[in-house]
Amino acid sequence: AGHAQHVPRSAGHVQRGSGHAHHMVRNPGHVRGPRDNKDHVLQKLMSVPHGCDDFSQVFPEGSFTEAQFEFVLRELESRGDLGALERYLNSIPPHILHQFESNEFLVSALAAVKFSNGEYRELYGILEDSHFAKVSRAPLQQMWHDAHYKEAERLRGRPLGAVDKYRVRKKYPLPKSIWDGSQNNHCFKEKARSILREWYIQNPYPAPNVKRDLAEAAGLTPTQVSNWFKNRRQRDRAASAKNKKEMMSIA
């Protein structure tokens, strides 16, 4: 089982919320033990009524192992039911929660619930105060970014564009706990084109300061951005002239 190396400030019972989560943190670890034991635990878990806060029947006092704890967290996350996950966390006695407070499954689950409830300050504290295995970081990184996007959209009263999101990411860089400083170049070219296309739809003649922002967001030089817009305008003009000529010949 993976373990976070620092106890999060926010570890403990979570506040009830009604949001729907878009981030479920997966860990590829596996619980060791007989299949029939896991089926038995799952059967007990499924028997807890919706909205019920009492999960004590799942694991009686004294039989609560860390492997079983992780199994329940993973099972609830796999259902995508953050409400059940939150009720489960709230039902765990404080001394047991403290016993597993450095467990990465628990810290990730707490982060997912905080994101679901819109409790972003608490979420940031959890992510900053813990250290996660590299395999677990990608969804946590996206959670960090999305939380800041949502806060920025709420302040501005409008959705963020690609350049807006870049500025937010630059203002609130990923903490070292979930980022080792390496750059991810996956689908880099397509992402760069997507940023430029999105702005082109808004304004095909961006100002010099906007070109600089676009260049930084797309990982290009200002000259490359200028050339892209110039070529795109030329292609659009040529396509428009061709369509107009074809329409006139039909008429």
Protein backbone atom coordinates (compact mmCIF):
# COMPACT_ATOMS: atom_id res chain seq x y z
CA ALA A 1 0.00 0.00 0.00
CA GLY A 2 1.23 3.44 -0.90
CA HIS A 3 1.73 5.89 1.97
CA ALA A 4 1.75 9.65 2.06
CA GLN A 5 4.86 10.86 3.83
CA HIS A 6 3.27 13.78 5.67
CA VAL A 7 0.08 13.92 7.68
CA PRO A 8 -2.36 16.38 6.02
CA ARG A 9 -3.73 19.27 8.06
CA SER A 10 -7.23 18.35 6.96
CA ALA A 11 -7.14 14.64 7.84
CA GLY A 12 -10.19 13.93 9.90
CA HIS A 13 -13.91 13.92 9.46
CA VAL A 14 -15.16 15.77 6.41
CA GLN A 15 -18.10 18.13 6.11
CA ARG A 16 -21.18 16.93 4.34
CA GLY A 17 -21.73 18.22 0.81
CA SER A 18 -23.91 17.51 -2.19
CA GLY A 19 -21.55 18.09 -5.11
CA HIS A 20 -20.71 15.51 -7.73
CA ALA A 21 -17.09 14.59 -8.14
CA HIS A 22 -15.34 14.65 -11.47
CA HIS A 23 -12.05 13.36 -10.08
CA MET A 24 -11.61 9.90 -8.72
CA VAL A 25 -8.06 9.11 -7.63
CA ARG A 26 -7.04 5.63 -8.61
CA ASN A 27 -4.12 3.70 -7.15
CA PRO A 28 -3.02 0.54 -8.93
CA GLY A 29 -2.22 -1.27 -5.69
CA HIS A 30 -4.02 -4.51 -4.87
CA VAL A 31 -5.39 -5.75 -1.56
CA ARG A 32 -3.96 -9.11 -0.66
CA GLY A 33 -6.29 -11.72 0.70
CA PRO A 34 -8.79 -14.43 -0.30
CA ARG A 35 -11.36 -13.46 -2.88
CA ASP A 36 -14.21 -14.72 -0.71
CA ASN A 37 -13.15 -12.34 2.08
CA LYS A 38 -13.34 -9.36 -0.30
CA ASP A 39 -16.72 -10.54 -1.57
CA HIS A 40 -17.94 -10.75 2.01
CA VAL A 41 -16.76 -7.21 2.73
CA LEU A 42 -18.35 -5.97 -0.50
CA GLN A 43 -21.64 -7.63 0.40
CA LYS A 44 -21.65 -5.84 3.77
CA LEU A 45 -20.73 -2.57 2.10
CA MET A 46 -23.59 -2.87 -0.39
CA SER A 47 -26.02 -3.49 2.48
CA VAL A 48 -25.49 -0.03 3.98
CA PRO A 49 -28.61 2.00 3.02
CA HIS A 50 -28.21 5.11 0.90
CA GLY A 51 -27.92 8.15 3.13
CA CYS A 52 -27.00 6.10 6.19
CA ASP A 53 -23.98 7.28 8.17
CA ASP A 54 -23.43 4.00 9.99
CA PHE A 55 -20.78 1.86 8.32
CA SER A 56 -19.86 0.13 11.59
CA GLN A 57 -21.46 -3.11 10.42
CA VAL A 58 -18.92 -3.40 7.60
CA PHE A 59 -15.99 -3.90 9.96
CA PRO A 60 -16.71 -4.64 13.63
CA GLU A 61 -14.33 -3.08 16.14
CA GLY A 62 -11.07 -5.00 16.33
CA SER A 63 -11.23 -6.52 12.81
CA PHE A 64 -10.41 -3.35 10.90
CA THR A 65 -7.17 -3.90 8.96
CA GLU A 66 -5.45 -1.39 6.70
CA ALA A 67 -5.94 -3.67 3.69
CA GLN A 68 -9.69 -3.81 4.35
CA PHE A 69 -9.78 -0.05 4.81
CA GLU A 70 -8.09 0.50 1.44
CA PHE A 71 -10.43 -1.99 -0.22
CA VAL A 72 -13.52 -0.11 0.93
CA LEU A 73 -12.09 3.24 -0.20
CA ARG A 74 -11.27 1.83 -3.63
CA GLU A 75 -14.66 0.19 -3.97
CA LEU A 76 -16.55 3.39 -3.11
CA GLU A 77 -14.37 5.42 -5.47
CA SER A 78 -14.88 2.93 -8.30
CA ARG A 79 -18.64 3.50 -8.00
CA GLY A 80 -18.12 7.23 -8.43
CA ASP A 81 -20.27 7.83 -5.35
CA LEU A 82 -18.55 10.61 -3.39
CA GLY A 83 -21.58 10.92 -1.12
CA ALA A 84 -21.10 7.35 0.10
CA LEU A 85 -17.36 7.86 0.40
CA GLU A 86 -17.93 10.96 2.52
CA ARG A 87 -20.42 9.16 4.78
CA TYR A 88 -17.97 6.30 5.15
CA LEU A 89 -15.14 8.64 6.17
CA ASN A 90 -17.43 10.41 8.63
CA SER A 91 -18.42 7.07 10.18
CA ILE A 92 -14.86 5.98 10.99
CA PRO A 93 -13.98 6.42 14.69
CA PRO A 94 -11.32 9.14 15.15
CA HIS A 95 -8.76 6.77 16.65
CA ILE A 96 -8.99 4.48 13.61
CA LEU A 97 -8.81 7.42 11.22
CA HIS A 98 -5.69 8.60 13.04
CA GLN A 99 -4.21 5.12 12.73
CA PHE A 100 -4.39 5.31 8.93
CA GLU A 101 -3.97 9.07 8.49
CA SER A 102 -0.74 8.71 6.49
CA ASN A 103 -2.31 6.18 4.12
CA GLU A 104 -2.29 7.52 0.56
CA PHE A 105 -5.71 6.02 -0.20
CA LEU A 106 -7.20 7.98 2.69
CA VAL A 107 -5.47 11.26 1.79
CA SER A 108 -6.57 10.94 -1.85
CA ALA A 109 -10.13 10.14 -0.79
CA LEU A 110 -10.22 13.19 1.48
CA ALA A 111 -8.96 15.34 -1.40
CA ALA A 112 -11.65 13.99 -3.76
CA VAL A 113 -14.41 14.73 -1.23
CA LYS A 114 -13.10 18.26 -0.60
CA PHE A 115 -13.07 18.92 -4.35
CA SER A 116 -16.59 17.54 -4.73
CA ASN A 117 -17.85 19.83 -1.96
CA GLY A 118 -16.12 22.91 -3.33
CA GLU A 119 -13.94 23.18 -0.22
CA TYR A 120 -10.91 24.26 -2.20
CA ARG A 121 -8.86 25.80 0.64
CA GLU A 122 -8.97 22.48 2.49
CA LEU A 123 -8.18 20.64 -0.73
CA TYR A 124 -5.06 22.74 -1.33
CA GLY A 125 -3.91 22.08 2.22
CA ILE A 126 -4.26 18.33 1.76
CA LEU A 127 -2.38 18.32 -1.54
CA GLU A 128 0.40 20.61 -0.29
CA ASP A 129 0.96 18.81 3.02
CA SER A 130 1.27 15.27 1.63
CA HIS A 131 3.62 13.49 -0.73
CA PHE A 132 2.13 11.11 -3.27
CA ALA A 133 3.57 8.29 -5.33
CA LYS A 134 4.28 9.32 -8.91
CA VAL A 135 1.64 6.97 -10.28
CA SER A 136 -1.07 8.80 -8.30
CA ARG A 137 -0.12 12.35 -9.22
CA ALA A 138 -1.83 12.95 -12.60
CA PRO A 139 -5.44 13.04 -11.30
CA LEU A 140 -4.34 15.08 -8.29
CA GLN A 141 -2.62 17.58 -10.58
CA GLN A 142 -5.80 17.94 -12.61
CA MET A 143 -7.80 18.35 -9.41
CA TRP A 144 -5.47 21.18 -8.31
CA HIS A 145 -5.85 22.97 -11.66
CA ASP A 146 -9.61 22.46 -11.90
CA ALA A 147 -10.18 23.81 -8.40
CA HIS A 148 -8.29 27.00 -9.28
CA TYR A 149 -10.18 27.25 -12.59
CA LYS A 150 -13.50 27.04 -10.76
CA GLU A 151 -12.46 29.72 -8.29
CA ALA A 152 -11.33 32.01 -11.13
CA GLU A 153 -14.58 31.43 -13.07
CA ARG A 154 -16.61 32.25 -9.98
CA LEU A 155 -14.71 35.52 -9.50
CA ARG A 156 -14.93 36.52 -13.16
CA GLY A 157 -18.46 35.30 -13.72
CA ARG A 158 -17.63 33.58 -16.99
CA PRO A 159 -15.95 30.41 -18.33
CA LEU A 160 -12.19 30.51 -18.79
CA GLY A 161 -10.53 30.28 -22.18
CA ALA A 162 -7.23 28.56 -22.93
CA VAL A 163 -5.15 31.68 -22.24
CA ASP A 164 -7.10 32.37 -19.03
CA LYS A 165 -6.39 28.84 -17.83
CA TYR A 166 -2.72 29.22 -18.69
CA ARG A 167 -2.53 32.40 -16.60
CA VAL A 168 -4.23 30.60 -13.69
CA ARG A 169 -1.76 27.70 -13.92
CA LYS A 170 1.14 30.17 -13.97
CA LYS A 171 -0.23 32.03 -10.94
CA TYR A 172 -0.87 28.81 -8.99
CA PRO A 173 1.85 26.30 -9.95
CA LEU A 174 1.61 22.70 -8.84
CA PRO A 175 3.08 22.02 -5.38
CA LYS A 176 6.15 19.79 -5.17
CA SER A 177 4.07 17.16 -3.38
CA ILE A 178 2.34 16.24 -6.66
CA TRP A 179 4.86 17.46 -9.25
CA ASP A 180 8.54 16.73 -9.77
CA GLY A 181 9.12 19.66 -12.13
CA SER A 182 9.13 17.62 -15.32
CA GLN A 183 7.12 18.77 -18.33
CA ASN A 184 4.52 16.60 -20.01
CA ASN A 185 4.81 16.88 -23.80
CA HIS A 186 1.96 14.46 -24.57
CA CYS A 187 -0.05 15.74 -27.55
CA PHE A 188 1.91 18.99 -27.31
CA LYS A 189 1.41 20.07 -30.93
CA GLU A 190 -2.32 19.45 -30.86
CA LYS A 191 -2.67 21.36 -27.59
CA ALA A 192 -0.76 24.30 -29.07
CA ARG A 193 -3.00 24.35 -32.15
CA SER A 194 -6.09 24.11 -29.97
CA ILE A 195 -5.03 27.19 -27.98
CA LEU A 196 -4.41 29.21 -31.15
CA ARG A 197 -7.65 28.06 -32.84
CA GLU A 198 -9.69 28.97 -29.78
CA TRP A 199 -8.33 32.51 -29.79
CA TYR A 200 -8.61 32.83 -33.59
CA ILE A 201 -12.36 32.30 -33.33
CA GLN A 202 -12.56 35.22 -30.89
CA ASN A 203 -10.18 37.53 -32.73
CA PRO A 204 -8.08 36.66 -35.79
CA TYR A 205 -5.98 39.80 -35.23
CA PRO A 206 -4.55 39.45 -31.70
CA ALA A 207 -2.63 42.36 -30.19
CA PRO A 208 1.13 41.97 -29.57
CA ASN A 209 0.67 41.42 -25.81
CA VAL A 210 -1.91 38.70 -26.53
CA LYS A 211 0.48 37.05 -28.98
CA ARG A 212 3.09 36.91 -26.25
CA ASP A 213 0.63 35.29 -23.85
CA LEU A 214 -0.48 32.81 -26.51
CA ALA A 215 3.13 31.96 -27.30
CA GLU A 216 3.90 31.22 -23.67
CA ALA A 217 0.70 29.21 -23.20
CA ALA A 218 1.34 27.16 -26.34
CA GLY A 219 5.08 26.76 -25.84
CA LEU A 220 5.87 28.68 -29.04
CA THR A 221 7.71 31.87 -29.91
CA PRO A 222 5.78 35.11 -30.65
CA THR A 223 7.03 34.88 -34.24
CA GLN A 224 5.60 31.39 -34.63
CA VAL A 225 2.27 32.63 -33.27
CA SER A 226 2.26 35.60 -35.66
CA ASN A 227 3.03 33.34 -38.61
CA TRP A 228 0.28 30.89 -37.60
CA PHE A 229 -2.35 33.65 -37.50
CA LYS A 230 -1.09 35.14 -40.77
CA ASN A 231 -1.24 31.77 -42.55
CA ARG A 232 -4.64 30.96 -41.07
CA ARG A 233 -6.09 34.27 -42.26
CA GLN A 234 -4.68 33.68 -45.74
CA ARG A 235 -6.20 30.19 -45.89
CA ASP A 236 -9.57 31.48 -44.74
CA ARG A 237 -9.53 34.31 -47.27
CA ALA A 238 -8.63 31.89 -50.05
CA ALA A 239 -11.38 29.48 -49.00
CA SER A 240 -13.90 32.34 -48.81
CA ALA A 241 -12.95 33.61 -52.28
CA LYS A 242 -13.28 30.11 -53.73
CA ASN A 243 -16.70 29.60 -52.16
CA LYS A 244 -17.87 32.99 -53.41
CA LYS A 245 -16.69 32.19 -56.93
CA GLU A 246 -18.48 28.84 -56.89
CA MET A 247 -21.69 30.45 -55.70
CA MET A 248 -21.54 33.06 -58.47
CA SER A 249 -21.02 30.36 -61.10
CA ILE A 250 -24.05 28.48 -59.84
CA ALA A 251 -26.17 31.62 -59.87
